[in-house]
C-alpha atoms as a PDB file:
ATOM      1  CA  MET A   1      16.330 -33.122  18.433  1.00  0.00           C
ATOM      2  CA  ASP A   2      19.843 -32.128  18.000  1.00  0.00           C
ATOM      3  CA  LEU A   3      21.267 -28.738  17.235  1.00  0.00           C
ATOM      4  CA  ASN A   4      21.572 -29.511  13.455  1.00  0.00           C
ATOM      5  CA  GLN A   5      17.845 -30.284  13.316  1.00  0.00           C
ATOM      6  CA  ILE A   6      17.069 -27.190  15.094  1.00  0.00           C
ATOM      7  CA  LYS A   7      19.290 -25.345  12.754  1.00  0.00           C
ATOM      8  CA  GLN A   8      17.318 -26.831   9.593  1.00  0.00           C
ATOM      9  CA  LYS A   9      14.035 -25.842  11.072  1.00  0.00           C
ATOM     10  CA  VAL A  10      15.127 -22.376  11.885  1.00  0.00           C
ATOM     11  CA  ASN A  11      16.326 -21.875   8.335  1.00  0.00           C
ATOM     12  CA  GLU A  12      12.966 -23.043   6.852  1.00  0.00           C
ATOM     13  CA  ASP A  13      10.972 -20.506   8.804  1.00  0.00           C
ATOM     14  CA  LYS A  14      10.458 -17.728   6.315  1.00  0.00           C
ATOM     15  CA  GLY A  15       7.744 -15.050   6.225  1.00  0.00           C
ATOM     16  CA  ILE A  16       6.158 -12.871   8.913  1.00  0.00           C
ATOM     17  CA  ILE A  17       4.757 -13.935  12.204  1.00  0.00           C
ATOM     18  CA  ASP A  18       1.105 -14.190  12.288  1.00  0.00           C
ATOM     19  CA  GLU A  19       0.827 -13.504   8.474  1.00  0.00           C
ATOM     20  CA  GLU A  20      -1.958 -15.912   8.271  1.00  0.00           C
ATOM     21  CA  GLN A  21      -4.168 -13.821  10.707  1.00  0.00           C
ATOM     22  CA  ALA A  22      -3.605 -10.538   8.550  1.00  0.00           C
ATOM     23  CA  LYS A  23      -5.685  -9.279   5.687  1.00  0.00           C
ATOM     24  CA  LYS A  24      -3.511  -9.449   2.313  1.00  0.00           C
ATOM     25  CA  SER A  25      -4.000  -6.853   0.009  1.00  0.00           C
ATOM     26  CA  ALA A  26      -2.263  -5.896  -3.355  1.00  0.00           C
ATOM     27  CA  VAL A  27      -2.214  -2.462  -4.992  1.00  0.00           C
ATOM     28  CA  LEU A  28      -0.531  -1.293  -8.376  1.00  0.00           C
ATOM     29  CA  ILE A  29       1.433   1.825  -9.040  1.00  0.00           C
ATOM     30  CA  PRO A  30       0.099   2.578 -12.537  1.00  0.00           C
ATOM     31  CA  LEU A  31       2.539   4.291 -14.925  1.00  0.00           C
ATOM     32  CA  ILE A  32       0.886   6.072 -17.934  1.00  0.00           C
ATOM     33  CA  GLU A  33       2.314   8.226 -20.633  1.00  0.00           C
ATOM     34  CA  VAL A  34       1.124  11.820 -20.995  1.00  0.00           C
ATOM     35  CA  ASN A  35       2.719  13.751 -23.720  1.00  0.00           C
ATOM     36  CA  GLU A  36       5.720  11.458 -23.797  1.00  0.00           C
ATOM     37  CA  GLU A  37       6.335  11.928 -20.124  1.00  0.00           C
ATOM     38  CA  TRP A  38       5.685   9.304 -17.459  1.00  0.00           C
ATOM     39  CA  HIS A  39       3.037   9.943 -14.994  1.00  0.00           C
ATOM     40  CA  ILE A  40       1.571   7.928 -11.943  1.00  0.00           C
ATOM     41  CA  LEU A  41      -2.092   7.565 -12.006  1.00  0.00           C
ATOM     42  CA  PHE A  42      -3.995   7.826  -8.825  1.00  0.00           C
ATOM     43  CA  GLU A  43      -7.818   7.120  -8.126  1.00  0.00           C
ATOM     44  CA  ILE A  44     -10.091   9.182  -5.942  1.00  0.00           C
ATOM     45  CA  ARG A  45     -12.242   6.867  -3.978  1.00  0.00           C
ATOM     46  CA  SER A  46     -15.954   6.995  -4.401  1.00  0.00           C
ATOM     47  CA  LYS A  47     -17.687   9.094  -1.453  1.00  0.00           C
ATOM     48  CA  ALA A  48     -20.375   6.538  -1.342  1.00  0.00           C
ATOM     49  CA  LEU A  49     -17.862   3.941  -0.085  1.00  0.00           C
ATOM     50  CA  ARG A  50     -17.999   2.924   3.568  1.00  0.00           C
ATOM     51  CA  SER A  51     -14.212   2.780   3.871  1.00  0.00           C
ATOM     52  CA  GLN A  52     -12.137   5.767   3.338  1.00  0.00           C
ATOM     53  CA  PRO A  53     -14.570   7.492   0.989  1.00  0.00           C
ATOM     54  CA  GLY A  54     -12.775  10.236  -1.092  1.00  0.00           C
ATOM     55  CA  ASP A  55      -9.452   9.167  -0.289  1.00  0.00           C
ATOM     56  CA  ILE A  56      -6.674   9.162  -3.123  1.00  0.00           C
ATOM     57  CA  CYS A  57      -5.312   5.622  -3.531  1.00  0.00           C
ATOM     58  CA  PHE A  58      -3.720   3.350  -5.980  1.00  0.00           C
ATOM     59  CA  PRO A  59      -5.901   0.716  -7.485  1.00  0.00           C
ATOM     60  CA  GLY A  60      -5.884  -2.557  -5.606  1.00  0.00           C
ATOM     61  CA  GLY A  61      -7.618  -4.397  -2.991  1.00  0.00           C
ATOM     62  CA  ARG A  62      -8.125  -7.854  -0.941  1.00  0.00           C
ATOM     63  CA  TYR A  63      -6.626 -10.819  -2.176  1.00  0.00           C
ATOM     64  CA  ASP A  64      -9.234 -13.476  -3.138  1.00  0.00           C
ATOM     65  CA  LYS A  65      -8.529 -17.108  -2.995  1.00  0.00           C
ATOM     66  CA  LYS A  66      -9.507 -17.458  -6.661  1.00  0.00           C
ATOM     67  CA  ASP A  67      -6.427 -15.283  -7.709  1.00  0.00           C
ATOM     68  CA  ALA A  68      -3.592 -17.106  -8.824  1.00  0.00           C
ATOM     69  CA  GLY A  69      -1.432 -14.999  -6.570  1.00  0.00           C
ATOM     70  CA  LEU A  70      -0.959 -11.332  -5.287  1.00  0.00           C
ATOM     71  CA  GLU A  71       0.246 -10.266  -8.550  1.00  0.00           C
ATOM     72  CA  ASP A  72      -3.085 -11.434  -9.953  1.00  0.00           C
ATOM     73  CA  THR A  73      -4.913  -9.635  -7.311  1.00  0.00           C
ATOM     74  CA  ALA A  74      -3.240  -6.316  -8.409  1.00  0.00           C
ATOM     75  CA  ILE A  75      -3.944  -6.716 -11.974  1.00  0.00           C
ATOM     76  CA  ARG A  76      -7.727  -7.950 -11.366  1.00  0.00           C
ATOM     77  CA  GLU A  77      -8.332  -5.085  -9.196  1.00  0.00           C
ATOM     78  CA  THR A  78      -6.829  -2.570 -11.490  1.00  0.00           C
ATOM     79  CA  SER A  79      -8.905  -3.919 -14.297  1.00  0.00           C
ATOM     80  CA  GLU A  80     -12.046  -3.774 -12.258  1.00  0.00           C
ATOM     81  CA  GLU A  81     -11.515  -0.393 -10.942  1.00  0.00           C
ATOM     82  CA  LEU A  82     -10.343   1.396 -14.087  1.00  0.00           C
ATOM     83  CA  GLY A  83     -12.647  -0.358 -16.449  1.00  0.00           C
ATOM     84  CA  ILE A  84      -9.925  -1.620 -18.643  1.00  0.00           C
ATOM     85  CA  ASN A  85      -8.857  -5.195 -19.970  1.00  0.00           C
ATOM     86  CA  LYS A  86      -6.127  -7.047 -18.187  1.00  0.00           C
ATOM     87  CA  SER A  87      -4.245  -7.045 -21.499  1.00  0.00           C
ATOM     88  CA  GLU A  88      -3.941  -3.385 -21.015  1.00  0.00           C
ATOM     89  CA  ILE A  89      -1.788  -3.857 -17.847  1.00  0.00           C
ATOM     90  CA  THR A  90       2.036  -4.871 -18.004  1.00  0.00           C
ATOM     91  CA  LEU A  91       3.670  -5.654 -14.690  1.00  0.00           C
ATOM     92  CA  LEU A  92       7.187  -4.112 -14.299  1.00  0.00           C
ATOM     93  CA  GLY A  93       7.856  -5.744 -10.884  1.00  0.00           C
ATOM     94  CA  ASP A  94       7.100  -5.747  -7.233  1.00  0.00           C
ATOM     95  CA  LEU A  95       8.181  -3.673  -4.330  1.00  0.00           C
ATOM     96  CA  ALA A  96       9.183  -4.317  -0.607  1.00  0.00           C
ATOM     97  CA  ILE A  97       6.089  -5.818   1.403  1.00  0.00           C
ATOM     98  CA  TYR A  98       4.273  -2.986   3.543  1.00  0.00           C
ATOM     99  CA  VAL A  99       3.094  -3.991   6.955  1.00  0.00           C
ATOM    100  CA  PRO A 100       1.075  -0.911   8.209  1.00  0.00           C
ATOM    101  CA  SER A 101      -0.403  -3.049  11.166  1.00  0.00           C
ATOM    102  CA  PRO A 102      -0.412  -6.663  12.449  1.00  0.00           C
ATOM    103  CA  GLN A 103      -3.987  -7.026  10.889  1.00  0.00           C
ATOM    104  CA  MET A 104      -2.895  -5.994   7.363  1.00  0.00           C
ATOM    105  CA  ILE A 105      -0.020  -6.693   4.818  1.00  0.00           C
ATOM    106  CA  VAL A 106       0.080  -4.883   1.514  1.00  0.00           C
ATOM    107  CA  TYR A 107       1.848  -6.270  -1.451  1.00  0.00           C
ATOM    108  CA  PRO A 108       2.932  -3.238  -3.785  1.00  0.00           C
ATOM    109  CA  PHE A 109       3.291  -3.964  -7.667  1.00  0.00           C
ATOM    110  CA  VAL A 110       4.455  -1.472 -10.715  1.00  0.00           C
ATOM    111  CA  GLY A 111       3.050  -1.617 -13.700  1.00  0.00           C
ATOM    112  CA  TYR A 112       2.511   0.181 -17.168  1.00  0.00           C
ATOM    113  CA  ILE A 113      -1.158   0.723 -18.704  1.00  0.00           C
ATOM    114  CA  HIS A 114      -0.828   0.907 -22.303  1.00  0.00           C
ATOM    115  CA  SER A 115      -3.889   3.037 -23.381  1.00  0.00           C
ATOM    116  CA  ALA A 116      -4.996   5.527 -20.768  1.00  0.00           C
ATOM    117  CA  ASN A 117      -7.513   6.834 -22.873  1.00  0.00           C
ATOM    118  CA  LYS A 118      -9.441   3.747 -22.449  1.00  0.00           C
ATOM    119  CA  ILE A 119      -9.672   4.003 -18.923  1.00  0.00           C
ATOM    120  CA  MET A 120     -13.462   4.064 -17.792  1.00  0.00           C
ATOM    121  CA  PRO A 121     -13.487   4.248 -13.883  1.00  0.00           C
ATOM    122  CA  ASN A 122     -16.024   2.203 -12.151  1.00  0.00           C
ATOM    123  CA  GLU A 123     -18.275   4.552 -10.706  1.00  0.00           C
ATOM    124  CA  ALA A 124     -19.130   2.181  -7.634  1.00  0.00           C
ATOM    125  CA  GLU A 125     -15.632   2.319  -6.361  1.00  0.00           C
ATOM    126  CA  VAL A 126     -13.916   5.125  -8.030  1.00  0.00           C
ATOM    127  CA  ASP A 127     -15.136   8.906  -8.283  1.00  0.00           C
ATOM    128  CA  SER A 128     -12.432  10.140 -10.618  1.00  0.00           C
ATOM    129  CA  VAL A 129      -8.472   9.574 -11.592  1.00  0.00           C
ATOM    130  CA  PHE A 130      -5.673  12.147 -11.976  1.00  0.00           C
ATOM    131  CA  SER A 131      -2.087  11.637 -12.741  1.00  0.00           C
ATOM    132  CA  VAL A 132       1.104  13.399 -11.309  1.00  0.00           C
ATOM    133  CA  PRO A 133       4.201  13.591 -13.469  1.00  0.00           C
ATOM    134  CA  LEU A 134       6.919  11.099 -12.249  1.00  0.00           C
ATOM    135  CA  TYR A 135       9.616  13.992 -12.769  1.00  0.00           C
ATOM    136  CA  TRP A 136       7.663  16.205 -10.508  1.00  0.00           C
ATOM    137  CA  LEU A 137       7.470  13.572  -7.976  1.00  0.00           C
ATOM    138  CA  LEU A 138      11.068  13.010  -8.023  1.00  0.00           C
ATOM    139  CA  GLN A 139      11.847  16.654  -7.036  1.00  0.00           C
ATOM    140  CA  GLN A 140       9.494  16.415  -4.078  1.00  0.00           C
ATOM    141  CA  LYS A 141      10.085  15.901  -0.281  1.00  0.00           C
ATOM    142  CA  PRO A 142       6.968  14.813   1.599  1.00  0.00           C
ATOM    143  CA  ASP A 143       5.522  16.686   4.404  1.00  0.00           C
ATOM    144  CA  ARG A 144       5.952  14.534   7.496  1.00  0.00           C
ATOM    145  CA  HIS A 145       3.990  14.659  10.672  1.00  0.00           C
ATOM    146  CA  ILE A 146       3.772  12.183  13.700  1.00  0.00           C
ATOM    147  CA  VAL A 147       0.750  10.444  15.038  1.00  0.00           C
ATOM    148  CA  ASP A 148       0.945   9.399  18.793  1.00  0.00           C
ATOM    149  CA  LEU A 149      -0.548   5.726  18.958  1.00  0.00           C
ATOM    150  CA  ILE A 150      -1.481   5.159  22.754  1.00  0.00           C
ATOM    151  CA  ALA A 151      -2.046   1.703  24.191  1.00  0.00           C
ATOM    152  CA  LYS A 152      -5.479   1.118  25.639  1.00  0.00           C
ATOM    153  CA  PRO A 153      -6.138  -2.158  27.136  1.00  0.00           C
ATOM    154  CA  LYS A 154      -9.753  -3.696  27.021  1.00  0.00           C
ATOM    155  CA  ALA A 155     -11.551  -3.974  30.513  1.00  0.00           C
ATOM    156  CA  ASP A 156     -10.677  -7.747  30.595  1.00  0.00           C
ATOM    157  CA  PHE A 157      -6.978  -7.208  30.416  1.00  0.00           C
ATOM    158  CA  PRO A 158      -5.236  -9.358  33.045  1.00  0.00           C
ATOM    159  CA  PHE A 159      -3.048  -6.594  34.755  1.00  0.00           C
ATOM    160  CA  HIS A 160      -2.787  -8.831  37.959  1.00  0.00           C
ATOM    161  CA  LYS A 161      -0.403 -11.083  35.535  1.00  0.00           C
ATOM    162  CA  ILE A 162       2.077  -8.409  34.730  1.00  0.00           C
ATOM    163  CA  TYR A 163       4.689  -6.644  36.971  1.00  0.00           C
ATOM    164  CA  GLY A 164       3.158  -3.168  37.915  1.00  0.00           C
ATOM    165  CA  GLY A 165      -0.466  -3.837  37.299  1.00  0.00           C
ATOM    166  CA  LYS A 166      -2.480  -1.135  36.226  1.00  0.00           C
ATOM    167  CA  ASN A 167       0.455   1.162  36.703  1.00  0.00           C
ATOM    168  CA  TYR A 168       2.417  -0.664  33.940  1.00  0.00           C
ATOM    169  CA  THR A 169       3.968   1.799  31.255  1.00  0.00           C
ATOM    170  CA  PHE A 170       3.165   0.509  27.879  1.00  0.00           C
ATOM    171  CA  ARG A 171       5.583   1.233  25.265  1.00  0.00           C
ATOM    172  CA  ARG A 172       4.547   4.070  23.107  1.00  0.00           C
ATOM    173  CA  HIS A 173       4.144   3.956  19.396  1.00  0.00           C
ATOM    174  CA  PHE A 174       4.566   6.798  16.944  1.00  0.00           C
ATOM    175  CA  MET A 175       3.463   6.623  13.347  1.00  0.00           C
ATOM    176  CA  GLU A 176       4.649   8.909  10.676  1.00  0.00           C
ATOM    177  CA  GLU A 177       2.218  10.192   8.074  1.00  0.00           C
ATOM    178  CA  LEU A 178       3.436  11.381   4.813  1.00  0.00           C
ATOM    179  CA  PHE A 179       1.655  14.303   2.787  1.00  0.00           C
ATOM    180  CA  TYR A 180       2.165  15.376  -0.903  1.00  0.00           C
ATOM    181  CA  ASP A 181       0.151  18.430  -2.351  1.00  0.00           C
ATOM    182  CA  TYR A 182      -0.237  18.397  -5.896  1.00  0.00           C
ATOM    183  CA  HIS A 183      -2.664  21.260  -7.051  1.00  0.00           C
ATOM    184  CA  GLU A 184      -5.758  20.456  -5.277  1.00  0.00           C
ATOM    185  CA  HIS A 185      -4.861  16.957  -4.271  1.00  0.00           C
ATOM    186  CA  THR A 186      -3.267  15.734  -1.095  1.00  0.00           C
ATOM    187  CA  ILE A 187      -1.956  12.130  -1.250  1.00  0.00           C
ATOM    188  CA  TRP A 188      -1.243  10.535   2.153  1.00  0.00           C
ATOM    189  CA  GLY A 189      -1.467   7.780   4.413  1.00  0.00           C
ATOM    190  CA  LEU A 190      -0.964   4.148   3.011  1.00  0.00           C
ATOM    191  CA  THR A 191      -0.525   5.405  -0.444  1.00  0.00           C
ATOM    192  CA  ALA A 192       1.815   8.203   0.386  1.00  0.00           C
ATOM    193  CA  LYS A 193       4.100   5.650   2.246  1.00  0.00           C
ATOM    194  CA  ILE A 194       4.278   3.157  -0.834  1.00  0.00           C
ATOM    195  CA  LEU A 195       4.701   6.102  -3.219  1.00  0.00           C
ATOM    196  CA  THR A 196       7.680   7.521  -1.264  1.00  0.00           C
ATOM    197  CA  HIS A 197       9.271   4.107  -1.021  1.00  0.00           C
ATOM    198  CA  PHE A 198       8.929   3.724  -4.915  1.00  0.00           C
ATOM    199  CA  ILE A 199      10.405   6.989  -5.429  1.00  0.00           C
ATOM    200  CA  GLU A 200      13.405   6.531  -3.317  1.00  0.00           C
ATOM    201  CA  VAL A 201      14.062   2.936  -5.221  1.00  0.00           C
ATOM    202  CA  ILE A 202      13.907   4.543  -8.648  1.00  0.00           C
ATOM    203  CA  GLN A 203      15.724   7.539  -7.702  1.00  0.00           C
ATOM    204  CA  LYS A 204      19.006   5.805  -6.931  1.00  0.00           C
ATOM    205  CA  ASP A 205      19.643   5.423 -10.739  1.00  0.00           C
ATOM    206  CA  TRP A 206      17.337   8.154 -12.380  1.00  0.00           C
ATOM    207  CA  GLU A 207      18.634   9.757 -15.437  1.00  0.00           C
ATOM    208  CA  ASN A 208      16.712  12.868 -16.792  1.00  0.00           C
END
């Protein structure tokens, strides 16, 4: 194998390392019109769910092999969770991929829901919905707090194979959590991360 062949192989390699081992999910940032003003719709997860009950989130979920693609996942999940027909959802585009951990990759999309009055949340997944004016979000700076992630190797970790053994100093990792407080609602976690990125993207050319 010569350098030109190596160059070709390197330039063919696109994507994310270990992507095939991660769980892929898609979410939709749903825009709705309220009194001639754009709002973003949020869900409050059912308190009966095992995973993140009561959290505020965007509609979305795990990619299914039956889906035509991640875009289809976002539309399908939104349709199922909000109880609306897929024809009520128009996609406007996709945002940058978010990788919150090596085990999870999230693909965010932005869409418009034509008739918000037709929304009938699926009670098995969604406790309720609410909306926040886009204009209000454009004026906000989220509160920022740091979580210290400490490495804790399992009992069978081969310390004898690394320099320093059990005294090895693992690199410390920090995670920034963002918080938006709107009336009685607190938007945080993965949802706040994606929301903040969306706001930063549209804020560049926003006109009142």
